[in-house]
Amino acid sequence: MISKALSDIGNVSIYPIATLIIFFSVFTVMLVIVLRGKKSKYDALAQLPLNDSAPGEFNGR
């Protein structure tokens, strides 16, 4: 039934390609953002759950 429904859609072969392109684009952008980030910021965020400060208080800047 699913194959019948998909075969009735015109140009259905473009959807897997578009999905793959979108996935790798988002993955690549996030990778670049993480790699270009400052290590000091990530260190402060990594220590955040271990801090004894009040909730909502951020001392990492």
N, C-alpha and C. Protein backbone atom coordinates (compact mmCIF):
# COMPACT_ATOMS: atom_id res chain seq x y z
N MET A 1 0.82 -1.18 0.00
CA MET A 1 0.00 0.00 0.00
C MET A 1 0.87 1.26 0.00
N ILE A 2 1.93 1.25 0.78
CA ILE A 2 2.80 2.43 0.83
C ILE A 2 3.50 2.63 -0.50
N SER A 3 3.97 1.55 -1.11
CA SER A 3 4.65 1.70 -2.39
C SER A 3 3.69 2.21 -3.47
N LYS A 4 2.42 1.82 -3.39
CA LYS A 4 1.43 2.32 -4.34
C LYS A 4 1.20 3.81 -4.14
N ALA A 5 1.12 4.23 -2.88
CA ALA A 5 0.91 5.65 -2.61
C ALA A 5 2.11 6.47 -3.06
N LEU A 6 3.31 5.96 -2.81
CA LEU A 6 4.51 6.69 -3.21
C LEU A 6 4.69 6.72 -4.72
N SER A 7 4.26 5.67 -5.40
CA SER A 7 4.42 5.67 -6.85
C SER A 7 3.47 6.64 -7.53
N ASP A 8 2.38 7.00 -6.86
CA ASP A 8 1.44 7.96 -7.43
C ASP A 8 1.93 9.40 -7.31
N ILE A 9 2.91 9.64 -6.45
CA ILE A 9 3.45 10.99 -6.29
C ILE A 9 4.48 11.23 -7.40
N GLY A 10 4.33 12.33 -8.10
CA GLY A 10 5.27 12.65 -9.15
C GLY A 10 6.60 13.10 -8.60
N ASN A 11 7.67 12.70 -9.22
CA ASN A 11 9.04 13.05 -8.83
C ASN A 11 9.34 12.69 -7.37
N VAL A 12 8.91 11.53 -6.94
CA VAL A 12 9.11 11.12 -5.55
C VAL A 12 10.59 10.84 -5.27
N SER A 13 11.38 10.62 -6.26
CA SER A 13 12.80 10.29 -6.06
C SER A 13 13.61 11.49 -5.56
N ILE A 14 13.07 12.68 -5.64
CA ILE A 14 13.80 13.86 -5.18
C ILE A 14 13.76 13.99 -3.66
N TYR A 15 12.78 13.41 -2.99
CA TYR A 15 12.63 13.56 -1.54
C TYR A 15 13.78 12.95 -0.75
N PRO A 16 14.23 11.73 -1.05
CA PRO A 16 15.38 11.21 -0.28
C PRO A 16 16.65 12.05 -0.49
N ILE A 17 16.85 12.55 -1.67
CA ILE A 17 18.03 13.37 -1.96
C ILE A 17 17.94 14.69 -1.20
N ALA A 18 16.77 15.32 -1.23
CA ALA A 18 16.58 16.58 -0.52
C ALA A 18 16.76 16.39 1.00
N THR A 19 16.23 15.30 1.51
CA THR A 19 16.37 15.02 2.94
C THR A 19 17.82 14.81 3.32
N LEU A 20 18.56 14.11 2.52
CA LEU A 20 19.98 13.87 2.78
C LEU A 20 20.77 15.18 2.74
N ILE A 21 20.47 16.03 1.80
CA ILE A 21 21.15 17.32 1.69
C ILE A 21 20.83 18.20 2.90
N ILE A 22 19.57 18.23 3.32
CA ILE A 22 19.19 19.02 4.49
C ILE A 22 19.87 18.49 5.74
N PHE A 23 19.90 17.17 5.92
CA PHE A 23 20.53 16.57 7.10
C PHE A 23 22.01 16.93 7.17
N PHE A 24 22.74 16.73 6.09
CA PHE A 24 24.17 17.01 6.10
C PHE A 24 24.46 18.51 6.20
N SER A 25 23.59 19.34 5.67
CA SER A 25 23.77 20.78 5.80
C SER A 25 23.65 21.21 7.26
N VAL A 26 22.62 20.73 7.94
CA VAL A 26 22.44 21.08 9.36
C VAL A 26 23.59 20.52 10.18
N PHE A 27 23.98 19.27 9.92
CA PHE A 27 25.08 18.63 10.65
C PHE A 27 26.37 19.41 10.44
N THR A 28 26.65 19.84 9.23
CA THR A 28 27.88 20.57 8.93
C THR A 28 27.87 21.95 9.60
N VAL A 29 26.74 22.64 9.56
CA VAL A 29 26.65 23.95 10.19
C VAL A 29 26.87 23.83 11.69
N MET A 30 26.25 22.85 12.32
CA MET A 30 26.43 22.67 13.77
C MET A 30 27.87 22.29 14.11
N LEU A 31 28.50 21.49 13.29
CA LEU A 31 29.89 21.12 13.51
C LEU A 31 30.80 22.35 13.42
N VAL A 32 30.56 23.21 12.46
CA VAL A 32 31.36 24.42 12.31
C VAL A 32 31.15 25.35 13.51
N ILE A 33 29.91 25.49 13.97
CA ILE A 33 29.62 26.34 15.12
C ILE A 33 30.35 25.82 16.36
N VAL A 34 30.32 24.54 16.57
CA VAL A 34 30.97 23.96 17.75
C VAL A 34 32.48 24.09 17.65
N LEU A 35 33.05 23.83 16.50
CA LEU A 35 34.50 23.89 16.36
C LEU A 35 35.04 25.33 16.43
N ARG A 36 34.23 26.30 16.06
CA ARG A 36 34.68 27.69 16.10
C ARG A 36 34.38 28.36 17.43
N GLY A 37 33.68 27.67 18.33
CA GLY A 37 33.33 28.24 19.63
C GLY A 37 34.55 28.36 20.53
N LYS A 38 34.42 29.22 21.53
CA LYS A 38 35.52 29.44 22.46
C LYS A 38 35.52 28.34 23.51
N LYS A 39 36.71 27.81 23.76
CA LYS A 39 36.84 26.73 24.72
C LYS A 39 36.45 27.18 26.12
N SER A 40 36.72 28.42 26.46
CA SER A 40 36.38 28.92 27.79
C SER A 40 34.86 28.92 28.02
N LYS A 41 34.11 29.21 26.98
CA LYS A 41 32.65 29.18 27.09
C LYS A 41 32.16 27.76 27.33
N TYR A 42 32.72 26.81 26.60
CA TYR A 42 32.30 25.42 26.76
C TYR A 42 32.73 24.86 28.11
N ASP A 43 33.88 25.29 28.61
CA ASP A 43 34.32 24.86 29.94
C ASP A 43 33.36 25.37 31.02
N ALA A 44 32.95 26.63 30.87
CA ALA A 44 32.01 27.20 31.84
C ALA A 44 30.67 26.48 31.79
N LEU A 45 30.20 26.17 30.60
CA LEU A 45 28.93 25.46 30.46
C LEU A 45 29.03 24.03 30.97
N ALA A 46 30.19 23.42 30.84
CA ALA A 46 30.38 22.05 31.33
C ALA A 46 30.35 22.01 32.84
N GLN A 47 30.80 23.08 33.49
CA GLN A 47 30.80 23.13 34.95
C GLN A 47 29.46 23.58 35.53
N LEU A 48 28.56 24.05 34.69
CA LEU A 48 27.30 24.61 35.15
C LEU A 48 26.49 23.65 36.03
N PRO A 49 26.33 22.38 35.68
CA PRO A 49 25.56 21.49 36.55
C PRO A 49 26.24 21.22 37.89
N LEU A 50 27.52 21.48 37.99
CA LEU A 50 28.27 21.19 39.21
C LEU A 50 28.40 22.39 40.13
N ASN A 51 28.02 23.57 39.64
CA ASN A 51 28.13 24.80 40.45
C ASN A 51 27.13 24.78 41.59
N ASP A 52 27.51 25.42 42.70
CA ASP A 52 26.62 25.53 43.85
C ASP A 52 25.88 26.86 43.87
N SER A 53 25.95 27.64 42.80
CA SER A 53 25.30 28.93 42.76
C SER A 53 23.79 28.76 42.61
N ALA A 54 23.08 29.85 42.79
CA ALA A 54 21.62 29.83 42.70
C ALA A 54 21.18 29.52 41.28
N PRO A 55 19.99 28.92 41.15
CA PRO A 55 19.48 28.64 39.80
C PRO A 55 19.30 29.92 38.99
N GLY A 56 19.68 29.87 37.73
CA GLY A 56 19.57 31.03 36.86
C GLY A 56 20.77 31.95 36.92
N GLU A 57 21.70 31.68 37.80
CA GLU A 57 22.90 32.51 37.95
C GLU A 57 24.00 31.88 37.11
N PHE A 58 24.63 32.67 36.26
CA PHE A 58 25.68 32.16 35.39
C PHE A 58 26.93 32.98 35.61
N ASN A 59 28.00 32.36 36.08
CA ASN A 59 29.24 33.07 36.38
C ASN A 59 30.35 32.74 35.40
N GLY A 60 30.03 32.26 34.20
CA GLY A 60 31.04 31.77 33.29
C GLY A 60 31.59 32.77 32.30
N ARG A 61 31.18 34.01 32.33
CA ARG A 61 31.65 34.96 31.32
C ARG A 61 32.87 35.61 31.73
